[in-house]
């Protein structure tokens, strides 16, 4: 089994590509918009970018664990929608339009638990009944897109909720979920690359037959990672809701493609939790540029600025073409008797 170091050549190339994108963005802002970069990179911008990156990073880590084991959970977007809506609905049931911080934390826990239950059924479809992973993942997304706004309209008479509450910040005016995510990223890296269980996950996606021969149940490993991916995506949606303070069910809902960007983030990070988190931070910063432009009084097309995260995705997919997917992704495995 290959070992992975924090300063591997691939990771250095990843950092280099991220730096190139940031430099290019800085040049665009300075030359085209005639704005000093120092006006944009403020403490508030960094704080909001970290908050925006947090749900993307959490979902990305869950998705990369599932794919490392051989299962492509393309339903991350759907599970994030379920997580965000469940957190909002739970907060409203517990505290009405003035829930406490304790009720908010409980709501995030409930959202994660519901996501685990939903993902268990999803995992059974994929692993036991060998459902097409792409079709099943898209089905989760479509169901969430219909279910959450419809149920919201039933509860609140509108596809969006009234104002609820947002999570209180900690040190440096930062959300506690940012610090939590840093811990999760570090723990996910250590678990994946420094424990035997992490090696089992990698083997399940690369050489499941060898893992089976060694006496480890391949499908059990895959069940664990798929359920973990759904739990992380549900938590990511709940965190997004906790930062926003209310549920928005219009359009593609408040999740608005972040589950899809999470998939790109772990591909950009070459299936490494640290690389995925760095990519999530890049996308989060790009996503917050429109707000920052308005904050410092820069006139720029909101539609154009909102396209920047997706332009970055295209650049990443085009330039970073060396990501190697696990060789057995999408392939069902029959345990040898």
C-alpha atoms as a PDB file:
ATOM      1  CA  UNK A   1       0.000   0.000   0.000  1.00  0.00           C
ATOM      2  CA  UNK A   2       1.361   3.398  -0.934  1.00  0.00           C
ATOM      3  CA  UNK A   3       2.036   5.860   1.847  1.00  0.00           C
ATOM      4  CA  UNK A   4       0.965   9.463   1.644  1.00  0.00           C
ATOM      5  CA  UNK A   5       2.941  12.360   3.079  1.00  0.00           C
ATOM      6  CA  UNK A   6       1.854  15.892   3.797  1.00  0.00           C
ATOM      7  CA  UNK A   7       4.360  17.306   1.280  1.00  0.00           C
ATOM      8  CA  UNK A   8       4.018  14.835  -1.556  1.00  0.00           C
ATOM      9  CA  UNK A   9       4.697  16.053  -5.123  1.00  0.00           C
ATOM     10  CA  UNK A  10       0.995  15.787  -5.973  1.00  0.00           C
ATOM     11  CA  UNK A  11       0.085  17.955  -3.021  1.00  0.00           C
ATOM     12  CA  UNK A  12       2.685  20.521  -3.969  1.00  0.00           C
ATOM     13  CA  UNK A  13       1.221  20.646  -7.480  1.00  0.00           C
ATOM     14  CA  UNK A  14      -2.225  21.109  -5.944  1.00  0.00           C
ATOM     15  CA  UNK A  15      -1.015  24.041  -3.858  1.00  0.00           C
ATOM     16  CA  UNK A  16       0.686  25.469  -6.929  1.00  0.00           C
ATOM     17  CA  UNK A  17      -2.484  25.285  -9.004  1.00  0.00           C
ATOM     18  CA  UNK A  18      -4.510  26.920  -6.237  1.00  0.00           C
ATOM     19  CA  UNK A  19      -1.900  29.684  -6.043  1.00  0.00           C
ATOM     20  CA  UNK A  20      -2.071  30.221  -9.817  1.00  0.00           C
ATOM     21  CA  UNK A  21      -5.863  30.563  -9.659  1.00  0.00           C
ATOM     22  CA  UNK A  22      -5.647  33.050  -6.801  1.00  0.00           C
ATOM     23  CA  UNK A  23      -2.950  35.094  -8.536  1.00  0.00           C
ATOM     24  CA  UNK A  24      -4.989  35.138 -11.752  1.00  0.00           C
ATOM     25  CA  UNK A  25      -8.040  36.246  -9.794  1.00  0.00           C
ATOM     26  CA  UNK A  26      -6.025  38.978  -8.106  1.00  0.00           C
ATOM     27  CA  UNK A  27      -4.759  40.198 -11.469  1.00  0.00           C
ATOM     28  CA  UNK A  28      -8.316  40.224 -12.823  1.00  0.00           C
ATOM     29  CA  UNK A  29      -9.550  42.300  -9.892  1.00  0.00           C
ATOM     30  CA  UNK A  30      -6.636  44.740 -10.054  1.00  0.00           C
ATOM     31  CA  UNK A  31      -6.535  45.257 -13.824  1.00  0.00           C
ATOM     32  CA  UNK A  32     -10.097  44.781 -15.048  1.00  0.00           C
ATOM     33  CA  UNK A  33     -11.970  46.175 -12.049  1.00  0.00           C
ATOM     34  CA  UNK A  34      -9.250  48.649 -11.023  1.00  0.00           C
ATOM     35  CA  UNK A  35      -9.469  47.632  -7.371  1.00  0.00           C
ATOM     36  CA  UNK A  36      -6.675  47.130  -4.882  1.00  0.00           C
ATOM     37  CA  UNK A  37      -6.637  43.536  -3.659  1.00  0.00           C
ATOM     38  CA  UNK A  38      -6.041  44.788  -0.099  1.00  0.00           C
ATOM     39  CA  UNK A  39      -9.551  46.213  -0.094  1.00  0.00           C
ATOM     40  CA  UNK A  40     -11.003  42.767  -0.680  1.00  0.00           C
ATOM     41  CA  UNK A  41      -8.917  40.564   1.608  1.00  0.00           C
ATOM     42  CA  UNK A  42     -10.305  41.729   4.923  1.00  0.00           C
ATOM     43  CA  UNK A  43     -10.854  39.890   8.177  1.00  0.00           C
ATOM     44  CA  UNK A  44     -14.579  39.715   7.480  1.00  0.00           C
ATOM     45  CA  UNK A  45     -13.975  38.258   4.045  1.00  0.00           C
ATOM     46  CA  UNK A  46     -11.687  35.557   5.471  1.00  0.00           C
ATOM     47  CA  UNK A  47     -14.213  34.751   8.196  1.00  0.00           C
ATOM     48  CA  UNK A  48     -17.095  34.427   5.742  1.00  0.00           C
ATOM     49  CA  UNK A  49     -14.981  32.412   3.303  1.00  0.00           C
ATOM     50  CA  UNK A  50     -14.103  29.912   6.036  1.00  0.00           C
ATOM     51  CA  UNK A  51     -17.765  29.612   6.981  1.00  0.00           C
ATOM     52  CA  UNK A  52     -18.722  29.098   3.336  1.00  0.00           C
ATOM     53  CA  UNK A  53     -15.984  26.488   2.873  1.00  0.00           C
ATOM     54  CA  UNK A  54     -16.969  24.470   5.953  1.00  0.00           C
ATOM     55  CA  UNK A  55     -20.036  22.621   4.561  1.00  0.00           C
ATOM     56  CA  UNK A  56     -18.228  21.978   1.264  1.00  0.00           C
ATOM     57  CA  UNK A  57     -15.244  20.488   3.097  1.00  0.00           C
ATOM     58  CA  UNK A  58     -17.409  18.269   5.328  1.00  0.00           C
ATOM     59  CA  UNK A  59     -19.377  16.877   2.383  1.00  0.00           C
ATOM     60  CA  UNK A  60     -16.163  16.412   0.380  1.00  0.00           C
ATOM     61  CA  UNK A  61     -14.538  14.332   3.101  1.00  0.00           C
ATOM     62  CA  UNK A  62     -17.572  12.070   3.304  1.00  0.00           C
ATOM     63  CA  UNK A  63     -17.701  11.704  -0.468  1.00  0.00           C
ATOM     64  CA  UNK A  64     -14.022  10.880  -0.831  1.00  0.00           C
ATOM     65  CA  UNK A  65     -14.256   8.164   1.849  1.00  0.00           C
ATOM     66  CA  UNK A  66     -17.122   6.495  -0.010  1.00  0.00           C
ATOM     67  CA  UNK A  67     -15.350   6.716  -3.357  1.00  0.00           C
ATOM     68  CA  UNK A  68     -12.068   5.494  -1.872  1.00  0.00           C
ATOM     69  CA  UNK A  69     -13.927   2.313  -0.921  1.00  0.00           C
ATOM     70  CA  UNK A  70     -15.336   1.870  -4.433  1.00  0.00           C
ATOM     71  CA  UNK A  71     -18.747   3.582  -4.153  1.00  0.00           C
ATOM     72  CA  UNK A  72     -19.485   6.888  -5.907  1.00  0.00           C
ATOM     73  CA  UNK A  73     -21.981   8.786  -3.768  1.00  0.00           C
ATOM     74  CA  UNK A  74     -23.214  11.306  -6.313  1.00  0.00           C
ATOM     75  CA  UNK A  75     -26.140  12.043  -3.999  1.00  0.00           C
ATOM     76  CA  UNK A  76     -24.148  14.424  -1.759  1.00  0.00           C
ATOM     77  CA  UNK A  77     -26.189  17.397  -2.958  1.00  0.00           C
ATOM     78  CA  UNK A  78     -29.433  15.640  -2.079  1.00  0.00           C
ATOM     79  CA  UNK A  79     -28.247  14.607   1.386  1.00  0.00           C
ATOM     80  CA  UNK A  80     -27.119  18.188   2.041  1.00  0.00           C
ATOM     81  CA  UNK A  81     -30.609  19.416   1.142  1.00  0.00           C
ATOM     82  CA  UNK A  82     -32.182  16.888   3.501  1.00  0.00           C
ATOM     83  CA  UNK A  83     -29.741  17.905   6.240  1.00  0.00           C
ATOM     84  CA  UNK A  84     -30.373  21.637   5.891  1.00  0.00           C
ATOM     85  CA  UNK A  85     -34.153  21.256   5.772  1.00  0.00           C
ATOM     86  CA  UNK A  86     -34.285  18.776   8.661  1.00  0.00           C
ATOM     87  CA  UNK A  87     -32.209  21.104  10.824  1.00  0.00           C
ATOM     88  CA  UNK A  88     -34.532  24.028  10.057  1.00  0.00           C
ATOM     89  CA  UNK A  89     -37.703  22.019  10.645  1.00  0.00           C
ATOM     90  CA  UNK A  90     -36.359  20.590  13.911  1.00  0.00           C
ATOM     91  CA  UNK A  91     -35.381  24.039  15.178  1.00  0.00           C
ATOM     92  CA  UNK A  92     -38.839  25.370  14.367  1.00  0.00           C
ATOM     93  CA  UNK A  93     -40.571  22.464  16.106  1.00  0.00           C
ATOM     94  CA  UNK A  94     -38.427  22.894  19.208  1.00  0.00           C
ATOM     95  CA  UNK A  95     -38.329  26.667  19.537  1.00  0.00           C
ATOM     96  CA  UNK A  96     -40.598  28.276  16.965  1.00  0.00           C
ATOM     97  CA  UNK A  97     -39.068  31.367  15.395  1.00  0.00           C
ATOM     98  CA  UNK A  98     -36.792  31.942  18.422  1.00  0.00           C
ATOM     99  CA  UNK A  99     -34.887  28.695  18.986  1.00  0.00           C
ATOM    100  CA  UNK A 100     -32.049  28.659  21.498  1.00  0.00           C
ATOM    101  CA  UNK A 101     -28.463  27.733  20.765  1.00  0.00           C
ATOM    102  CA  UNK A 102     -29.040  24.408  22.498  1.00  0.00           C
ATOM    103  CA  UNK A 103     -31.980  23.684  20.218  1.00  0.00           C
ATOM    104  CA  UNK A 104     -29.871  24.613  17.189  1.00  0.00           C
ATOM    105  CA  UNK A 105     -27.158  22.139  18.184  1.00  0.00           C
ATOM    106  CA  UNK A 106     -29.802  19.480  18.832  1.00  0.00           C
ATOM    107  CA  UNK A 107     -31.298  20.188  15.411  1.00  0.00           C
ATOM    108  CA  UNK A 108     -27.911  19.634  13.761  1.00  0.00           C
ATOM    109  CA  UNK A 109     -27.639  16.311  15.577  1.00  0.00           C
ATOM    110  CA  UNK A 110     -31.130  15.279  14.456  1.00  0.00           C
ATOM    111  CA  UNK A 111     -30.316  16.264  10.860  1.00  0.00           C
ATOM    112  CA  UNK A 112     -27.201  14.094  10.946  1.00  0.00           C
ATOM    113  CA  UNK A 113     -29.128  11.161  12.429  1.00  0.00           C
ATOM    114  CA  UNK A 114     -31.872  11.410   9.792  1.00  0.00           C
ATOM    115  CA  UNK A 115     -29.215  11.527   7.093  1.00  0.00           C
ATOM    116  CA  UNK A 116     -27.652   8.351   8.483  1.00  0.00           C
ATOM    117  CA  UNK A 117     -31.021   6.584   8.327  1.00  0.00           C
ATOM    118  CA  UNK A 118     -31.626   7.751   4.754  1.00  0.00           C
ATOM    119  CA  UNK A 119     -28.113   6.794   3.690  1.00  0.00           C
ATOM    120  CA  UNK A 120     -28.512   3.315   5.147  1.00  0.00           C
ATOM    121  CA  UNK A 121     -31.330   2.631   2.693  1.00  0.00           C
ATOM    122  CA  UNK A 122     -29.274   4.229  -0.081  1.00  0.00           C
ATOM    123  CA  UNK A 123     -26.302   1.996   0.787  1.00  0.00           C
ATOM    124  CA  UNK A 124     -28.468  -1.137   0.703  1.00  0.00           C
ATOM    125  CA  UNK A 125     -29.658  -0.220  -2.781  1.00  0.00           C
ATOM    126  CA  UNK A 126     -26.118   0.314  -4.025  1.00  0.00           C
ATOM    127  CA  UNK A 127     -24.282  -2.522  -2.310  1.00  0.00           C
ATOM    128  CA  UNK A 128     -26.797  -5.329  -1.760  1.00  0.00           C
ATOM    129  CA  UNK A 129     -29.069  -4.764  -4.727  1.00  0.00           C
ATOM    130  CA  UNK A 130     -26.327  -3.339  -6.981  1.00  0.00           C
ATOM    131  CA  UNK A 131     -28.349  -0.335  -8.147  1.00  0.00           C
ATOM    132  CA  UNK A 132     -26.668   1.969 -10.636  1.00  0.00           C
ATOM    133  CA  UNK A 133     -24.737   4.422  -8.496  1.00  0.00           C
ATOM    134  CA  UNK A 134     -25.219   7.409 -10.801  1.00  0.00           C
ATOM    135  CA  UNK A 135     -28.963   6.848 -11.217  1.00  0.00           C
ATOM    136  CA  UNK A 136     -29.497   6.252  -7.490  1.00  0.00           C
ATOM    137  CA  UNK A 137     -27.506   9.358  -6.549  1.00  0.00           C
ATOM    138  CA  UNK A 138     -29.410  11.538  -8.991  1.00  0.00           C
ATOM    139  CA  UNK A 139     -32.666  10.105  -7.628  1.00  0.00           C
ATOM    140  CA  UNK A 140     -31.691  11.238  -4.116  1.00  0.00           C
ATOM    141  CA  UNK A 141     -31.055  14.733  -5.448  1.00  0.00           C
ATOM    142  CA  UNK A 142     -34.363  14.941  -7.327  1.00  0.00           C
ATOM    143  CA  UNK A 143     -36.326  13.590  -4.356  1.00  0.00           C
ATOM    144  CA  UNK A 144     -34.697  16.138  -2.033  1.00  0.00           C
ATOM    145  CA  UNK A 145     -35.381  18.977  -4.483  1.00  0.00           C
ATOM    146  CA  UNK A 146     -39.064  18.097  -4.450  1.00  0.00           C
ATOM    147  CA  UNK A 147     -39.569  16.913  -0.886  1.00  0.00           C
ATOM    148  CA  UNK A 148     -37.876  19.720   1.039  1.00  0.00           C
ATOM    149  CA  UNK A 149     -39.616  22.736  -0.590  1.00  0.00           C
ATOM    150  CA  UNK A 150     -42.997  20.920  -0.577  1.00  0.00           C
ATOM    151  CA  UNK A 151     -42.718  20.064   3.107  1.00  0.00           C
ATOM    152  CA  UNK A 152     -41.489  23.574   3.875  1.00  0.00           C
ATOM    153  CA  UNK A 153     -44.618  24.979   2.216  1.00  0.00           C
ATOM    154  CA  UNK A 154     -46.711  22.641   4.377  1.00  0.00           C
ATOM    155  CA  UNK A 155     -45.009  23.791   7.583  1.00  0.00           C
ATOM    156  CA  UNK A 156     -44.514  27.510   6.926  1.00  0.00           C
ATOM    157  CA  UNK A 157     -46.872  28.245   4.045  1.00  0.00           C
ATOM    158  CA  UNK A 158     -43.845  29.130   1.970  1.00  0.00           C
ATOM    159  CA  UNK A 159     -40.924  27.288   0.381  1.00  0.00           C
ATOM    160  CA  UNK A 160     -38.648  29.226   2.731  1.00  0.00           C
ATOM    161  CA  UNK A 161     -38.767  29.398   6.505  1.00  0.00           C
ATOM    162  CA  UNK A 162     -39.108  32.498   8.669  1.00  0.00           C
ATOM    163  CA  UNK A 163     -35.958  33.715  10.413  1.00  0.00           C
ATOM    164  CA  UNK A 164     -34.798  31.147  12.969  1.00  0.00           C
ATOM    165  CA  UNK A 165     -31.355  31.572  14.528  1.00  0.00           C
ATOM    166  CA  UNK A 166     -27.724  31.239  13.528  1.00  0.00           C
ATOM    167  CA  UNK A 167     -24.881  29.690  15.444  1.00  0.00           C
ATOM    168  CA  UNK A 168     -22.945  31.897  17.854  1.00  0.00           C
ATOM    169  CA  UNK A 169     -19.327  32.590  16.947  1.00  0.00           C
ATOM    170  CA  UNK A 170     -16.332  31.786  19.114  1.00  0.00           C
ATOM    171  CA  UNK A 171     -12.799  33.186  19.166  1.00  0.00           C
ATOM    172  CA  UNK A 172     -11.845  35.669  16.433  1.00  0.00           C
ATOM    173  CA  UNK A 173     -15.525  35.978  15.490  1.00  0.00           C
ATOM    174  CA  UNK A 174     -15.397  32.546  13.890  1.00  0.00           C
ATOM    175  CA  UNK A 175     -18.042  29.817  13.830  1.00  0.00           C
ATOM    176  CA  UNK A 176     -17.285  26.819  16.073  1.00  0.00           C
ATOM    177  CA  UNK A 177     -18.041  24.579  13.089  1.00  0.00           C
ATOM    178  CA  UNK A 178     -14.955  25.958  11.332  1.00  0.00           C
ATOM    179  CA  UNK A 179     -12.754  24.738  14.191  1.00  0.00           C
ATOM    180  CA  UNK A 180     -14.669  21.459  14.228  1.00  0.00           C
ATOM    181  CA  UNK A 181     -14.036  21.026  10.510  1.00  0.00           C
ATOM    182  CA  UNK A 182     -10.295  21.571  10.949  1.00  0.00           C
ATOM    183  CA  UNK A 183     -10.294  18.734  13.493  1.00  0.00           C
ATOM    184  CA  UNK A 184     -12.359  16.523  11.185  1.00  0.00           C
ATOM    185  CA  UNK A 185      -9.996  17.144   8.258  1.00  0.00           C
ATOM    186  CA  UNK A 186      -6.926  16.242  10.323  1.00  0.00           C
ATOM    187  CA  UNK A 187      -8.608  13.172  11.833  1.00  0.00           C
ATOM    188  CA  UNK A 188      -9.842  12.024   8.411  1.00  0.00           C
ATOM    189  CA  UNK A 189      -6.295  12.220   7.004  1.00  0.00           C
ATOM    190  CA  UNK A 190      -4.790  10.299   9.919  1.00  0.00           C
ATOM    191  CA  UNK A 191      -7.514   7.643   9.827  1.00  0.00           C
ATOM    192  CA  UNK A 192      -7.264   7.129   6.074  1.00  0.00           C
ATOM    193  CA  UNK A 193      -3.476   7.021   5.770  1.00  0.00           C
ATOM    194  CA  UNK A 194      -2.206   5.949   9.183  1.00  0.00           C
ATOM    195  CA  UNK A 195      -4.558   3.221  10.410  1.00  0.00           C
ATOM    196  CA  UNK A 196      -5.321  -0.299   9.230  1.00  0.00           C
ATOM    197  CA  UNK A 197      -8.968   0.650   8.822  1.00  0.00           C
ATOM    198  CA  UNK A 198      -7.948   3.365   6.414  1.00  0.00           C
ATOM    199  CA  UNK A 199      -5.912   0.826   4.454  1.00  0.00           C
ATOM    200  CA  UNK A 200      -8.994  -1.416   4.315  1.00  0.00           C
ATOM    201  CA  UNK A 201     -10.975   1.482   2.814  1.00  0.00           C
ATOM    202  CA  UNK A 202      -8.311   2.065   0.166  1.00  0.00           C
ATOM    203  CA  UNK A 203      -8.048  -1.652  -0.593  1.00  0.00           C
ATOM    204  CA  UNK A 204     -11.847  -1.945  -0.979  1.00  0.00           C
ATOM    205  CA  UNK A 205     -11.649   0.539  -3.841  1.00  0.00           C
ATOM    206  CA  UNK A 206      -8.415  -0.685  -5.398  1.00  0.00           C
ATOM    207  CA  UNK A 207      -8.226  -4.443  -4.863  1.00  0.00           C
ATOM    208  CA  UNK A 208     -11.325  -5.764  -3.085  1.00  0.00           C
ATOM    209  CA  UNK A 209     -10.487  -9.374  -3.885  1.00  0.00           C
ATOM    210  CA  UNK A 210      -7.198  -9.139  -2.007  1.00  0.00           C
ATOM    211  CA  UNK A 211      -8.971  -7.535   0.946  1.00  0.00           C
ATOM    212  CA  UNK A 212     -11.567 -10.311   0.918  1.00  0.00           C
ATOM    213  CA  UNK A 213      -8.805 -12.938   0.809  1.00  0.00           C
ATOM    214  CA  UNK A 214      -7.274 -11.304   3.883  1.00  0.00           C
ATOM    215  CA  UNK A 215     -10.519 -11.969   5.749  1.00  0.00           C
ATOM    216  CA  UNK A 216     -12.030  -8.467   5.685  1.00  0.00           C
ATOM    217  CA  UNK A 217     -15.638  -8.108   4.545  1.00  0.00           C
ATOM    218  CA  UNK A 218     -15.424  -5.724   1.569  1.00  0.00           C
ATOM    219  CA  UNK A 219     -19.106  -4.848   1.547  1.00  0.00           C
ATOM    220  CA  UNK A 220     -19.084  -4.106   5.269  1.00  0.00           C
ATOM    221  CA  UNK A 221     -16.290  -1.602   4.671  1.00  0.00           C
ATOM    222  CA  UNK A 222     -18.292  -0.050   1.856  1.00  0.00           C
ATOM    223  CA  UNK A 223     -21.444   0.147   3.978  1.00  0.00           C
ATOM    224  CA  UNK A 224     -19.487   2.035   6.641  1.00  0.00           C
ATOM    225  CA  UNK A 225     -18.022   4.567   4.216  1.00  0.00           C
ATOM    226  CA  UNK A 226     -21.276   5.209   2.342  1.00  0.00           C
ATOM    227  CA  UNK A 227     -23.162   5.778   5.603  1.00  0.00           C
ATOM    228  CA  UNK A 228     -20.339   8.039   6.756  1.00  0.00           C
ATOM    229  CA  UNK A 229     -20.571  10.023   3.520  1.00  0.00           C
ATOM    230  CA  UNK A 230     -24.307  10.564   3.968  1.00  0.00           C
ATOM    231  CA  UNK A 231     -23.837  11.570   7.599  1.00  0.00           C
ATOM    232  CA  UNK A 232     -21.185  14.107   6.659  1.00  0.00           C
ATOM    233  CA  UNK A 233     -23.315  15.511   3.834  1.00  0.00           C
ATOM    234  CA  UNK A 234     -26.320  15.803   6.154  1.00  0.00           C
ATOM    235  CA  UNK A 235     -24.158  17.521   8.758  1.00  0.00           C
ATOM    236  CA  UNK A 236     -22.795  19.812   6.036  1.00  0.00           C
ATOM    237  CA  UNK A 237     -26.323  20.877   5.130  1.00  0.00           C
ATOM    238  CA  UNK A 238     -27.148  21.461   8.799  1.00  0.00           C
ATOM    239  CA  UNK A 239     -24.008  23.590   9.186  1.00  0.00           C
ATOM    240  CA  UNK A 240     -24.990  25.623   6.130  1.00  0.00           C
ATOM    241  CA  UNK A 241     -28.388  26.228   7.736  1.00  0.00           C
ATOM    242  CA  UNK A 242     -26.803  27.093  11.092  1.00  0.00           C
ATOM    243  CA  UNK A 243     -24.622  29.730   9.439  1.00  0.00           C
ATOM    244  CA  UNK A 244     -27.489  31.199   7.414  1.00  0.00           C
ATOM    245  CA  UNK A 245     -30.119  31.199  10.186  1.00  0.00           C
ATOM    246  CA  UNK A 246     -33.085  30.217   7.997  1.00  0.00           C
ATOM    247  CA  UNK A 247     -34.080  27.715   5.315  1.00  0.00           C
ATOM    248  CA  UNK A 248     -34.361  28.851   1.694  1.00  0.00           C
ATOM    249  CA  UNK A 249     -36.226  26.446  -0.584  1.00  0.00           C
ATOM    250  CA  UNK A 250     -36.481  28.488  -3.771  1.00  0.00           C
ATOM    251  CA  UNK A 251     -34.448  27.695  -6.873  1.00  0.00           C
ATOM    252  CA  UNK A 252     -32.052  24.825  -6.197  1.00  0.00           C
ATOM    253  CA  UNK A 253     -32.565  25.488  -2.475  1.00  0.00           C
ATOM    254  CA  UNK A 254     -29.982  27.140  -0.257  1.00  0.00           C
ATOM    255  CA  UNK A 255     -27.560  24.275  -0.944  1.00  0.00           C
ATOM    256  CA  UNK A 256     -27.339  25.624  -4.501  1.00  0.00           C
ATOM    257  CA  UNK A 257     -24.815  23.198  -5.989  1.00  0.00           C
ATOM    258  CA  UNK A 258     -22.449  22.943  -3.017  1.00  0.00           C
ATOM    259  CA  UNK A 259     -22.778  19.154  -2.965  1.00  0.00           C
ATOM    260  CA  UNK A 260     -21.590  19.032  -6.566  1.00  0.00           C
ATOM    261  CA  UNK A 261     -18.725  21.388  -5.755  1.00  0.00           C
ATOM    262  CA  UNK A 262     -17.796  19.076  -2.856  1.00  0.00           C
ATOM    263  CA  UNK A 263     -17.293  16.274  -5.378  1.00  0.00           C
ATOM    264  CA  UNK A 264     -15.020  18.512  -7.441  1.00  0.00           C
ATOM    265  CA  UNK A 265     -13.186  19.525  -4.248  1.00  0.00           C
ATOM    266  CA  UNK A 266     -12.128  15.988  -3.381  1.00  0.00           C
ATOM    267  CA  UNK A 267     -11.241  15.277  -7.003  1.00  0.00           C
ATOM    268  CA  UNK A 268      -9.158  18.466  -6.998  1.00  0.00           C
ATOM    269  CA  UNK A 269      -7.602  17.302  -3.722  1.00  0.00           C
ATOM    270  CA  UNK A 270      -6.793  13.906  -5.266  1.00  0.00           C
ATOM    271  CA  UNK A 271      -8.944  12.042  -2.707  1.00  0.00           C
ATOM    272  CA  UNK A 272      -6.958  13.531   0.165  1.00  0.00           C
ATOM    273  CA  UNK A 273      -8.853  15.206   3.058  1.00  0.00           C
ATOM    274  CA  UNK A 274      -6.340  18.050   3.336  1.00  0.00           C
ATOM    275  CA  UNK A 275      -6.360  18.719  -0.394  1.00  0.00           C
ATOM    276  CA  UNK A 276     -10.155  18.572  -0.453  1.00  0.00           C
ATOM    277  CA  UNK A 277     -10.358  21.094   2.386  1.00  0.00           C
ATOM    278  CA  UNK A 278      -7.950  23.437   0.577  1.00  0.00           C
ATOM    279  CA  UNK A 279     -10.077  23.220  -2.567  1.00  0.00           C
ATOM    280  CA  UNK A 280     -13.211  23.856  -0.495  1.00  0.00           C
ATOM    281  CA  UNK A 281     -11.602  27.002   0.900  1.00  0.00           C
ATOM    282  CA  UNK A 282     -10.790  28.193  -2.613  1.00  0.00           C
ATOM    283  CA  UNK A 283     -14.376  27.657  -3.772  1.00  0.00           C
ATOM    284  CA  UNK A 284     -15.740  29.227  -0.578  1.00  0.00           C
ATOM    285  CA  UNK A 285     -13.658  32.361  -1.093  1.00  0.00           C
ATOM    286  CA  UNK A 286     -14.778  32.661  -4.706  1.00  0.00           C
ATOM    287  CA  UNK A 287     -18.385  32.223  -3.633  1.00  0.00           C
ATOM    288  CA  UNK A 288     -18.080  35.109  -1.165  1.00  0.00           C
ATOM    289  CA  UNK A 289     -16.597  37.582  -3.641  1.00  0.00           C
ATOM    290  CA  UNK A 290     -19.993  38.992  -4.612  1.00  0.00           C
ATOM    291  CA  UNK A 291     -20.780  39.859  -0.995  1.00  0.00           C
ATOM    292  CA  UNK A 292     -17.322  41.341  -0.555  1.00  0.00           C
ATOM    293  CA  UNK A 293     -17.671  43.503  -3.656  1.00  0.00           C
ATOM    294  CA  UNK A 294     -20.894  44.938  -2.266  1.00  0.00           C
ATOM    295  CA  UNK A 295     -19.305  45.436   1.159  1.00  0.00           C
ATOM    296  CA  UNK A 296     -16.437  47.566  -0.173  1.00  0.00           C
ATOM    297  CA  UNK A 297     -18.642  49.366  -2.682  1.00  0.00           C
ATOM    298  CA  UNK A 298     -17.366  47.805  -5.889  1.00  0.00           C
ATOM    299  CA  UNK A 299     -19.795  47.828  -8.780  1.00  0.00           C
ATOM    300  CA  UNK A 300     -19.691  44.490 -10.555  1.00  0.00           C
ATOM    301  CA  UNK A 301     -22.293  42.279 -12.163  1.00  0.00           C
ATOM    302  CA  UNK A 302     -23.635  39.948  -9.482  1.00  0.00           C
ATOM    303  CA  UNK A 303     -24.375  37.294 -12.084  1.00  0.00           C
ATOM    304  CA  UNK A 304     -20.821  37.464 -13.400  1.00  0.00           C
ATOM    305  CA  UNK A 305     -19.270  37.251  -9.945  1.00  0.00           C
ATOM    306  CA  UNK A 306     -21.562  34.367  -8.965  1.00  0.00           C
ATOM    307  CA  UNK A 307     -20.193  32.428 -11.933  1.00  0.00           C
ATOM    308  CA  UNK A 308     -16.624  32.539 -10.573  1.00  0.00           C
ATOM    309  CA  UNK A 309     -16.864  29.369  -8.440  1.00  0.00           C
ATOM    310  CA  UNK A 310     -18.116  27.442 -11.471  1.00  0.00           C
ATOM    311  CA  UNK A 311     -15.413  28.946 -13.685  1.00  0.00           C
ATOM    312  CA  UNK A 312     -12.903  27.747 -11.107  1.00  0.00           C
ATOM    313  CA  UNK A 313     -14.477  24.281 -11.262  1.00  0.00           C
ATOM    314  CA  UNK A 314     -14.013  24.225 -15.048  1.00  0.00           C
ATOM    315  CA  UNK A 315     -10.401  25.356 -14.682  1.00  0.00           C
ATOM    316  CA  UNK A 316      -9.755  22.689 -12.065  1.00  0.00           C
ATOM    317  CA  UNK A 317     -11.287  19.925 -14.155  1.00  0.00           C
ATOM    318  CA  UNK A 318      -9.388  21.093 -17.239  1.00  0.00           C
ATOM    319  CA  UNK A 319      -5.960  21.734 -15.732  1.00  0.00           C
ATOM    320  CA  UNK A 320      -5.918  19.199 -12.939  1.00  0.00           C
ATOM    321  CA  UNK A 321      -6.312  16.145 -15.129  1.00  0.00           C
ATOM    322  CA  UNK A 322      -4.057  13.827 -13.148  1.00  0.00           C
ATOM    323  CA  UNK A 323      -6.518  12.728 -10.487  1.00  0.00           C
ATOM    324  CA  UNK A 324      -6.561   8.950 -10.331  1.00  0.00           C
ATOM    325  CA  UNK A 325      -9.861   7.398  -9.357  1.00  0.00           C
ATOM    326  CA  UNK A 326      -9.843   4.147  -7.366  1.00  0.00           C
ATOM    327  CA  UNK A 327      -9.780   1.354  -9.944  1.00  0.00           C
ATOM    328  CA  UNK A 328     -12.945  -0.404  -8.708  1.00  0.00           C
ATOM    329  CA  UNK A 329     -15.241   2.603  -8.284  1.00  0.00           C
ATOM    330  CA  UNK A 330     -18.786   1.743  -9.325  1.00  0.00           C
ATOM    331  CA  UNK A 331     -18.167  -2.009  -9.423  1.00  0.00           C
ATOM    332  CA  UNK A 332     -20.253  -4.215  -7.131  1.00  0.00           C
ATOM    333  CA  UNK A 333     -18.385  -6.936  -5.274  1.00  0.00           C
ATOM    334  CA  UNK A 334     -19.563 -10.455  -4.535  1.00  0.00           C
ATOM    335  CA  UNK A 335     -17.964 -11.714  -1.345  1.00  0.00           C
ATOM    336  CA  UNK A 336     -16.152 -14.991  -1.860  1.00  0.00           C
ATOM    337  CA  UNK A 337     -17.495 -17.830   0.211  1.00  0.00           C
END
